[in-house]
């Protein structure tokens, strides 16, 4: 006599939406942070070359 294996539980229906929302949030965070990092690096380059008025 063979025992029937129970079906694996289904993932919640909201899971794909949560993953999509997380990806969108990561993209928006990168879009918001990139100019700030770029300005920071430009200021560091200015300071590294010996300039004093880098603002």
N, C-alpha and C. Protein backbone atom coordinates (compact mmCIF):
# COMPACT_ATOMS: atom_id res chain seq x y z
N UNK A 1 0.83 -1.16 0.00
CA UNK A 1 0.00 0.00 0.00
C UNK A 1 0.90 1.25 0.00
N UNK A 2 0.69 2.14 -0.95
CA UNK A 2 1.49 3.36 -1.04
C UNK A 2 0.78 4.51 -0.34
N UNK A 3 1.60 5.25 0.39
CA UNK A 3 1.05 6.44 1.04
C UNK A 3 1.13 7.61 0.06
N UNK A 4 0.11 8.40 0.04
CA UNK A 4 0.12 9.58 -0.83
C UNK A 4 0.81 10.72 -0.10
N UNK A 5 1.69 11.38 -0.80
CA UNK A 5 2.38 12.51 -0.22
C UNK A 5 1.45 13.72 -0.28
N UNK A 6 1.43 14.49 0.80
CA UNK A 6 0.59 15.69 0.75
C UNK A 6 1.21 16.73 -0.20
N UNK A 7 0.35 17.52 -0.80
CA UNK A 7 0.82 18.57 -1.69
C UNK A 7 1.62 19.60 -0.88
N UNK A 8 2.70 20.12 -1.47
CA UNK A 8 3.44 21.16 -0.76
C UNK A 8 2.57 22.41 -0.63
N UNK A 9 2.78 23.18 0.43
CA UNK A 9 1.96 24.37 0.60
C UNK A 9 2.23 25.39 -0.50
N UNK A 10 1.19 26.07 -0.92
CA UNK A 10 1.34 27.09 -1.97
C UNK A 10 1.88 28.37 -1.34
N UNK A 11 2.73 29.08 -2.08
CA UNK A 11 3.21 30.37 -1.55
C UNK A 11 2.04 31.35 -1.49
N UNK A 12 2.12 32.32 -0.61
CA UNK A 12 1.02 33.29 -0.52
C UNK A 12 0.83 34.03 -1.83
N UNK A 13 -0.39 34.43 -2.11
CA UNK A 13 -0.69 35.12 -3.37
C UNK A 13 -0.08 36.51 -3.43
N UNK A 14 0.22 37.11 -2.29
CA UNK A 14 0.78 38.45 -2.26
C UNK A 14 2.28 38.46 -2.46
N UNK A 15 2.93 37.31 -2.46
CA UNK A 15 4.39 37.24 -2.55
C UNK A 15 4.94 37.88 -3.83
N UNK A 16 4.40 37.62 -5.02
CA UNK A 16 4.95 38.28 -6.21
C UNK A 16 4.84 39.80 -6.15
N UNK A 17 3.75 40.29 -5.59
CA UNK A 17 3.58 41.75 -5.46
C UNK A 17 4.60 42.31 -4.50
N UNK A 18 4.88 41.61 -3.41
CA UNK A 18 5.87 42.07 -2.44
C UNK A 18 7.27 42.09 -3.06
N UNK A 19 7.60 41.09 -3.84
CA UNK A 19 8.91 41.05 -4.51
C UNK A 19 9.02 42.19 -5.51
N UNK A 20 7.97 42.42 -6.29
CA UNK A 20 7.98 43.52 -7.25
C UNK A 20 8.11 44.87 -6.55
N UNK A 21 7.41 45.05 -5.44
CA UNK A 21 7.51 46.30 -4.67
C UNK A 21 8.93 46.49 -4.13
N UNK A 22 9.55 45.42 -3.66
CA UNK A 22 10.92 45.51 -3.15
C UNK A 22 11.90 45.90 -4.26
N UNK A 23 11.72 45.34 -5.43
CA UNK A 23 12.60 45.67 -6.56
C UNK A 23 12.42 47.14 -6.95
N UNK A 24 11.17 47.59 -7.00
CA UNK A 24 10.90 48.99 -7.35
C UNK A 24 11.51 49.92 -6.30
N UNK A 25 11.38 49.57 -5.02
CA UNK A 25 11.97 50.39 -3.96
C UNK A 25 13.49 50.45 -4.08
N UNK A 26 14.11 49.34 -4.40
CA UNK A 26 15.57 49.34 -4.59
C UNK A 26 15.99 50.22 -5.76
N UNK A 27 15.24 50.16 -6.85
CA UNK A 27 15.54 51.01 -8.00
C UNK A 27 15.36 52.48 -7.67
N UNK A 28 14.29 52.82 -6.96
CA UNK A 28 14.07 54.21 -6.58
C UNK A 28 15.14 54.71 -5.61
N UNK A 29 15.56 53.85 -4.68
CA UNK A 29 16.62 54.24 -3.75
C UNK A 29 17.92 54.49 -4.50
N UNK A 30 18.24 53.67 -5.47
CA UNK A 30 19.44 53.88 -6.28
C UNK A 30 19.35 55.16 -7.10
N UNK A 31 18.17 55.42 -7.67
CA UNK A 31 17.97 56.63 -8.46
C UNK A 31 18.11 57.87 -7.59
N UNK A 32 17.68 57.77 -6.32
CA UNK A 32 17.76 58.90 -5.40
C UNK A 32 19.19 59.07 -4.86
N UNK A 33 19.89 57.97 -4.60
CA UNK A 33 21.21 58.04 -3.98
C UNK A 33 22.35 58.31 -4.97
N UNK A 34 22.20 57.89 -6.22
CA UNK A 34 23.31 57.99 -7.17
C UNK A 34 23.82 59.41 -7.33
N UNK A 35 22.97 60.43 -7.52
CA UNK A 35 23.50 61.80 -7.65
C UNK A 35 24.24 62.27 -6.39
N UNK A 36 23.80 61.82 -5.24
CA UNK A 36 24.47 62.22 -4.00
C UNK A 36 25.86 61.60 -3.91
N UNK A 37 25.99 60.33 -4.27
CA UNK A 37 27.30 59.69 -4.29
C UNK A 37 28.20 60.33 -5.34
N UNK A 38 27.62 60.68 -6.47
CA UNK A 38 28.38 61.30 -7.55
C UNK A 38 28.93 62.66 -7.10
N UNK A 39 28.11 63.47 -6.42
CA UNK A 39 28.55 64.77 -5.92
C UNK A 39 29.63 64.59 -4.85
N UNK A 40 29.44 63.60 -3.99
CA UNK A 40 30.44 63.33 -2.94
C UNK A 40 31.79 62.96 -3.57
N UNK A 41 31.76 62.09 -4.57
CA UNK A 41 33.01 61.67 -5.20
C UNK A 41 33.67 62.83 -5.94
N UNK A 42 32.86 63.70 -6.57
CA UNK A 42 33.43 64.85 -7.26
C UNK A 42 34.10 65.78 -6.25
N UNK A 43 33.49 65.97 -5.09
CA UNK A 43 34.10 66.82 -4.05
C UNK A 43 35.39 66.19 -3.54
N UNK A 44 35.40 64.88 -3.35
CA UNK A 44 36.62 64.20 -2.90
C UNK A 44 37.73 64.34 -3.93
N UNK A 45 37.39 64.23 -5.22
CA UNK A 45 38.40 64.41 -6.27
C UNK A 45 38.96 65.82 -6.25
N UNK A 46 38.08 66.80 -6.03
CA UNK A 46 38.51 68.20 -5.97
C UNK A 46 39.48 68.41 -4.81
N UNK A 47 39.15 67.86 -3.66
CA UNK A 47 40.01 68.00 -2.49
C UNK A 47 41.34 67.27 -2.72
N UNK A 48 41.28 66.10 -3.36
CA UNK A 48 42.49 65.32 -3.59
C UNK A 48 43.47 66.02 -4.54
N UNK A 49 42.96 66.87 -5.44
CA UNK A 49 43.84 67.57 -6.36
C UNK A 49 44.44 68.82 -5.73
N UNK A 50 44.02 69.14 -4.49
CA UNK A 50 44.63 70.25 -3.78
C UNK A 50 43.83 71.54 -3.80
N UNK A 51 42.66 71.53 -4.38
CA UNK A 51 41.84 72.74 -4.40
C UNK A 51 41.27 72.99 -3.01
N UNK A 52 41.02 74.26 -2.70
CA UNK A 52 40.46 74.58 -1.38
C UNK A 52 39.01 75.03 -1.48
N UNK A 53 38.57 75.53 -2.62
CA UNK A 53 37.18 75.98 -2.77
C UNK A 53 36.45 74.93 -3.64
N UNK A 54 36.00 73.86 -3.03
CA UNK A 54 35.41 72.74 -3.77
C UNK A 54 33.88 72.70 -3.69
N UNK A 55 33.25 73.73 -3.15
CA UNK A 55 31.79 73.69 -3.03
C UNK A 55 31.09 74.14 -4.27
